Each structure stands twice: as structure tokens, then as C-alpha cells.
Amino acid sequence: MSSSQFYLIIHSGYQSVFIGLYNRTQAVSIQTLDKKMVSGFLFITLLDILKCHELIFADLSFIGVHAGPAPFTTLRVGVTTSNGIAFAAGLPLVAVNGLEVLSNLYPEYTVLLNAFCDDVYVGQGSSLSCQNIDAFLHNQASSITQPVTYIGNGVALHHEKIKHVLGDRAVLLHDYPYEASIDMIAQYAYRQWSAGANSVKQVMPVYMKEYSAKMATNR
């Protein structure tokens, strides 16, 4: 089996960790781990997926890693495991920002992801930030004149507050992506690797909370 275009995706999400083996743009195998089990079973799951397809780490072209934003403890396990494997096997890594992926796929929408402690990660086109939800909604109320569609798990979390502050200017869809899927992460990573972009030796977790803290200090 030729493995020149095979790669792994490790996607640490908000509730689960997804591990996928892909060949070019097609998913070959996808496994899901509960985030409470990831530290004990991530590496074993990776080995099982490769074994089932008669592959080893050295056969892969690269490893794509969701670098965040996501719950930091779960994210750190995925990133650390990916870094260790890549170092041992001599594989390149492609870091993927899930907020950036959603913002690029849905540029007509504003993406809100849960940043915890009343903060949200905000994606508006190419602009990515972390803001206090109350400050964000205050700014939206004073700046938007036309209805804006909001998507992401931050919408479900702050649904009532968004409608209370923005009223009819907030469009909240019933069927929308709550976060970037593993397929979204995989497609983005493969395009980046094919173009020779975003390939690194070590992935660092995306952490945007400094921005929120700075804005709170300056208010």
C-alpha cells in the first residue's frame, strides 16, 4: 500500500477528541475518544488505526493537529502527543486554528466559540480575537445596523443574552456547526501541506486569552 499521501489528524474538540487517518482528501478511518479518556488512550488509538491499515508512523506524509482554541487540558494532550510522535518519526506537523477554519468557511457569519469565564473566541472574517461576551455584545449593539448571523458553540451558551442585547439584529440558526469538524481540519491541513505552508516541527496551543485580559484592563 502506497502511503505517500496518508496523514493523521488529531482534533481535540470541546467534548471529544477525534483521530483520523486520511488519504489525500478522503477519510480512511476516524475514531472518537471522550476527552476524559484521551490521556490514557490517544497513543494506543493512533497505533491501532495505523496497524489496521498496515502503516507505521514513518509511512505518513505529515500529522495535522488542531491547535485550538479548545479546552486547554484536552488540547495540551493532543498537541504534546503529536509533537512527540513527529519528533521521533521525523514527520512535519501542520497546525490548524479551528476558529480560523470556521471563519474562512463561513465568512458571511460571525463565529463565537466558548472561551469560558464569560469570554468568547470571536471570528469575523480574518479577524480573530477573544473578548468578554458582555463587552462584545455592547460593541455589536453600537456598531451593527443590519442583522448579523452568529454561529458556534458560544451562541448556544449565550443564546438568551445575545437575543436580549441585539434583538432582531441577531440571527441565530438552528442548524449550524458548533465547532470545526475533523473533516474541516483535515481539508485545511492537507491544503496547507500541499502548498508547503504552515509546516512546523513543534505545534504550540492556540491561546488567545491574553487579548481578553488586555481589553478588560484598558476599559
Protein backbone atom coordinates (compact mmCIF):
# COMPACT_ATOMS: atom_id res chain seq x y z
CA MET A 1 0.00 0.00 0.00
CA SER A 2 1.45 3.33 -1.05
CA SER A 3 1.42 5.74 1.89
CA SER A 4 2.85 8.85 0.23
CA GLN A 5 -0.39 10.77 0.71
CA PHE A 6 -1.52 9.30 4.03
CA TYR A 7 -1.64 11.53 7.08
CA LEU A 8 -3.09 11.62 10.58
CA ILE A 9 -5.36 14.28 12.01
CA ILE A 10 -5.60 14.80 15.77
CA HIS A 11 -8.53 17.05 16.54
CA SER A 12 -9.07 18.00 20.19
CA GLY A 13 -12.63 19.29 20.40
CA TYR A 14 -14.75 20.65 23.21
CA GLN A 15 -16.34 17.32 24.16
CA SER A 16 -14.31 14.67 22.33
CA VAL A 17 -11.01 14.04 20.63
CA PHE A 18 -11.19 12.80 17.05
CA ILE A 19 -8.38 10.83 15.43
CA GLY A 20 -8.47 10.39 11.69
CA LEU A 21 -6.39 8.66 9.05
CA TYR A 22 -6.76 10.37 5.68
CA ASN A 23 -5.55 9.65 2.18
CA ARG A 24 -5.39 12.93 0.27
CA THR A 25 -8.83 14.43 0.94
CA GLN A 26 -10.62 11.21 1.84
CA ALA A 27 -11.18 9.88 5.36
CA VAL A 28 -9.92 6.30 5.70
CA SER A 29 -10.70 5.80 9.40
CA ILE A 30 -12.00 8.08 12.16
CA GLN A 31 -12.10 7.20 15.86
CA THR A 32 -13.56 9.21 18.72
CA LEU A 33 -12.35 9.41 22.31
CA ASP A 34 -14.14 11.02 25.22
CA LYS A 35 -11.99 13.89 26.47
CA LYS A 36 -11.76 12.22 29.90
CA MET A 37 -10.05 9.20 28.31
CA VAL A 38 -7.71 10.93 25.90
CA SER A 39 -4.60 10.96 28.10
CA GLY A 40 -4.69 7.19 28.54
CA PHE A 41 -5.89 6.05 25.13
CA LEU A 42 -4.80 8.58 22.48
CA PHE A 43 -1.48 6.97 21.59
CA ILE A 44 -2.95 3.45 21.69
CA THR A 45 -5.76 4.53 19.36
CA LEU A 46 -3.28 6.04 16.91
CA LEU A 47 -1.31 2.79 16.84
CA ASP A 48 -4.47 0.73 16.33
CA ILE A 49 -5.59 2.85 13.37
CA LEU A 50 -2.23 2.54 11.67
CA LYS A 51 -1.97 -1.19 12.37
CA CYS A 52 -5.39 -1.83 10.83
CA HIS A 53 -4.15 -0.27 7.60
CA GLU A 54 -0.68 -1.82 7.70
CA LEU A 55 1.03 1.51 8.28
CA ILE A 56 3.57 2.88 10.73
CA PHE A 57 4.24 6.49 11.68
CA ALA A 58 7.22 6.70 9.33
CA ASP A 59 4.91 5.94 6.38
CA LEU A 60 2.92 9.14 6.88
CA SER A 61 3.41 12.38 4.99
CA PHE A 62 2.58 14.59 7.97
CA ILE A 63 0.41 14.95 11.07
CA GLY A 64 -2.27 17.63 11.13
CA VAL A 65 -3.05 18.99 14.59
CA HIS A 66 -5.95 21.08 15.78
CA ALA A 67 -4.04 23.64 17.84
CA GLY A 68 -7.15 25.27 19.27
CA PRO A 69 -8.96 27.11 20.56
CA ALA A 70 -10.48 24.37 22.71
CA PRO A 71 -10.44 23.30 26.39
CA PHE A 72 -6.80 23.71 27.28
CA THR A 73 -6.16 20.45 29.16
CA THR A 74 -7.56 18.27 26.38
CA LEU A 75 -5.83 20.38 23.75
CA ARG A 76 -2.49 20.06 25.51
CA VAL A 77 -2.65 16.25 25.45
CA GLY A 78 -3.31 16.19 21.71
CA VAL A 79 -0.60 18.73 20.94
CA THR A 80 2.00 17.10 23.20
CA THR A 81 1.35 13.65 21.78
CA SER A 82 1.59 14.96 18.22
CA ASN A 83 4.84 16.77 18.95
CA GLY A 84 6.39 13.65 20.47
CA ILE A 85 5.41 11.40 17.59
CA ALA A 86 6.58 13.91 14.98
CA PHE A 87 9.94 14.30 16.69
CA ALA A 88 10.50 10.55 16.99
CA ALA A 89 9.37 9.74 13.44
CA GLY A 90 10.83 12.82 11.75
CA LEU A 91 7.42 13.94 10.48
CA PRO A 92 6.33 17.50 9.69
CA LEU A 93 3.39 18.93 11.60
CA VAL A 94 0.65 21.19 10.28
CA ALA A 95 -1.00 23.33 12.95
CA VAL A 96 -4.64 24.28 12.36
CA ASN A 97 -6.60 27.01 14.14
CA GLY A 98 -10.20 25.80 14.32
CA LEU A 99 -11.60 29.31 14.76
CA GLU A 100 -9.77 30.41 11.63
CA VAL A 101 -11.12 27.42 9.70
CA LEU A 102 -14.73 28.21 10.61
CA SER A 103 -14.27 31.89 9.85
CA ASN A 104 -12.81 31.09 6.43
CA LEU A 105 -15.56 28.59 5.60
CA TYR A 106 -18.35 30.92 6.75
CA PRO A 107 -17.07 34.47 6.07
CA GLU A 108 -20.63 35.80 5.96
CA TYR A 109 -21.19 34.78 9.60
CA THR A 110 -19.65 35.79 12.93
CA VAL A 111 -18.24 32.78 14.77
CA LEU A 112 -18.48 32.61 18.55
CA LEU A 113 -16.73 29.79 20.43
CA ASN A 114 -16.80 29.22 24.16
CA ALA A 115 -13.67 30.65 25.83
CA PHE A 116 -15.02 30.00 29.35
CA CYS A 117 -15.36 32.50 32.23
CA ASP A 118 -17.79 34.67 30.20
CA ASP A 119 -15.31 35.05 27.33
CA VAL A 120 -15.85 34.08 23.69
CA TYR A 121 -13.45 33.47 20.83
CA VAL A 122 -14.66 35.67 18.00
CA GLY A 123 -14.04 35.05 14.31
CA GLN A 124 -15.11 37.75 11.90
CA GLY A 125 -13.52 37.04 8.54
CA SER A 126 -9.77 37.32 9.00
CA SER A 127 -10.14 38.98 12.42
CA LEU A 128 -9.74 36.56 15.34
CA SER A 129 -9.93 37.61 18.98
CA CYS A 130 -11.01 36.68 22.49
CA GLN A 131 -13.47 39.03 24.17
CA ASN A 132 -15.70 39.24 27.19
CA ILE A 133 -19.20 38.37 25.99
CA ASP A 134 -20.79 41.46 27.57
CA ALA A 135 -18.19 43.79 26.05
CA PHE A 136 -18.53 42.09 22.68
CA LEU A 137 -22.32 42.41 22.64
CA HIS A 138 -22.10 46.05 23.78
CA ASN A 139 -19.80 46.80 20.84
CA GLN A 140 -22.06 44.91 18.45
CA ALA A 141 -25.13 46.78 19.66
CA SER A 142 -23.46 50.12 18.97
CA SER A 143 -21.94 49.19 15.61
CA ILE A 144 -24.20 46.89 13.60
CA THR A 145 -27.17 48.26 11.67
CA GLN A 146 -28.11 45.15 9.70
CA PRO A 147 -28.92 41.65 11.01
CA VAL A 148 -25.82 39.52 11.70
CA THR A 149 -25.80 35.71 11.74
CA TYR A 150 -23.86 34.14 14.62
CA ILE A 151 -22.69 30.50 14.70
CA GLY A 152 -20.59 28.34 17.02
CA ASN A 153 -20.99 26.79 20.46
CA GLY A 154 -20.71 30.22 22.05
CA VAL A 155 -24.10 31.04 20.53
CA ALA A 156 -25.81 28.13 22.30
CA LEU A 157 -24.08 29.06 25.56
CA HIS A 158 -25.03 32.75 25.43
CA HIS A 159 -28.24 32.47 23.40
CA GLU A 160 -30.52 34.39 25.77
CA LYS A 161 -28.01 37.17 26.37
CA ILE A 162 -27.39 37.64 22.64
CA LYS A 163 -31.11 37.92 21.89
CA HIS A 164 -31.68 40.22 24.85
CA VAL A 165 -28.97 42.68 23.79
CA LEU A 166 -29.26 42.51 19.99
CA GLY A 167 -32.88 41.52 19.46
CA ASP A 168 -33.83 41.16 15.80
CA ARG A 169 -30.33 42.17 14.69
CA ALA A 170 -29.05 38.75 15.82
CA VAL A 171 -29.86 35.83 13.52
CA LEU A 172 -29.37 32.53 15.36
CA LEU A 173 -29.60 29.45 13.15
CA HIS A 174 -31.00 26.17 14.46
CA ASP A 175 -28.65 24.04 12.33
CA TYR A 176 -25.07 25.29 12.29
CA PRO A 177 -21.57 23.98 13.11
CA TYR A 178 -20.80 24.26 16.82
CA GLU A 179 -17.06 23.94 16.13
CA ALA A 180 -14.77 22.92 13.29
CA SER A 181 -15.20 19.24 12.41
CA ILE A 182 -12.33 16.81 11.86
CA ASP A 183 -13.06 16.86 8.12
CA MET A 184 -12.77 20.66 8.09
CA ILE A 185 -9.47 20.42 9.97
CA ALA A 186 -8.22 17.69 7.61
CA GLN A 187 -9.07 19.54 4.40
CA TYR A 188 -7.38 22.70 5.66
CA ALA A 189 -4.29 20.81 6.84
CA TYR A 190 -3.93 18.94 3.55
CA ARG A 191 -4.19 22.14 1.51
CA GLN A 192 -1.58 23.80 3.71
CA TRP A 193 0.79 20.82 3.49
CA SER A 194 0.34 20.53 -0.29
CA ALA A 195 1.19 24.21 -0.65
CA GLY A 196 4.21 23.88 1.63
CA ALA A 197 2.69 26.28 4.18
CA ASN A 198 2.26 26.09 7.98
CA SER A 199 4.59 23.08 8.30
CA VAL A 200 6.38 23.17 11.65
CA LYS A 201 8.50 20.92 13.88
CA GLN A 202 6.52 21.73 17.02
CA VAL A 203 2.92 22.82 17.50
CA MET A 204 2.06 25.35 20.18
CA PRO A 205 -1.53 25.51 21.52
CA VAL A 206 -3.57 28.48 20.38
CA TYR A 207 -4.18 30.60 23.45
CA MET A 208 -5.95 33.92 22.91
CA LYS A 209 -6.97 34.86 26.45
CA GLU A 210 -4.23 37.49 26.76
CA TYR A 211 -6.21 39.63 24.35
CA SER A 212 -9.31 39.44 26.53
CA ALA A 213 -7.33 40.33 29.66
CA LYS A 214 -5.69 43.27 27.95
CA MET A 215 -9.04 44.63 26.71
CA ALA A 216 -10.54 44.30 30.20
CA THR A 217 -7.62 46.25 31.65
CA ASN A 218 -7.96 49.01 29.09
CA ARG A 219 -11.69 49.52 29.59
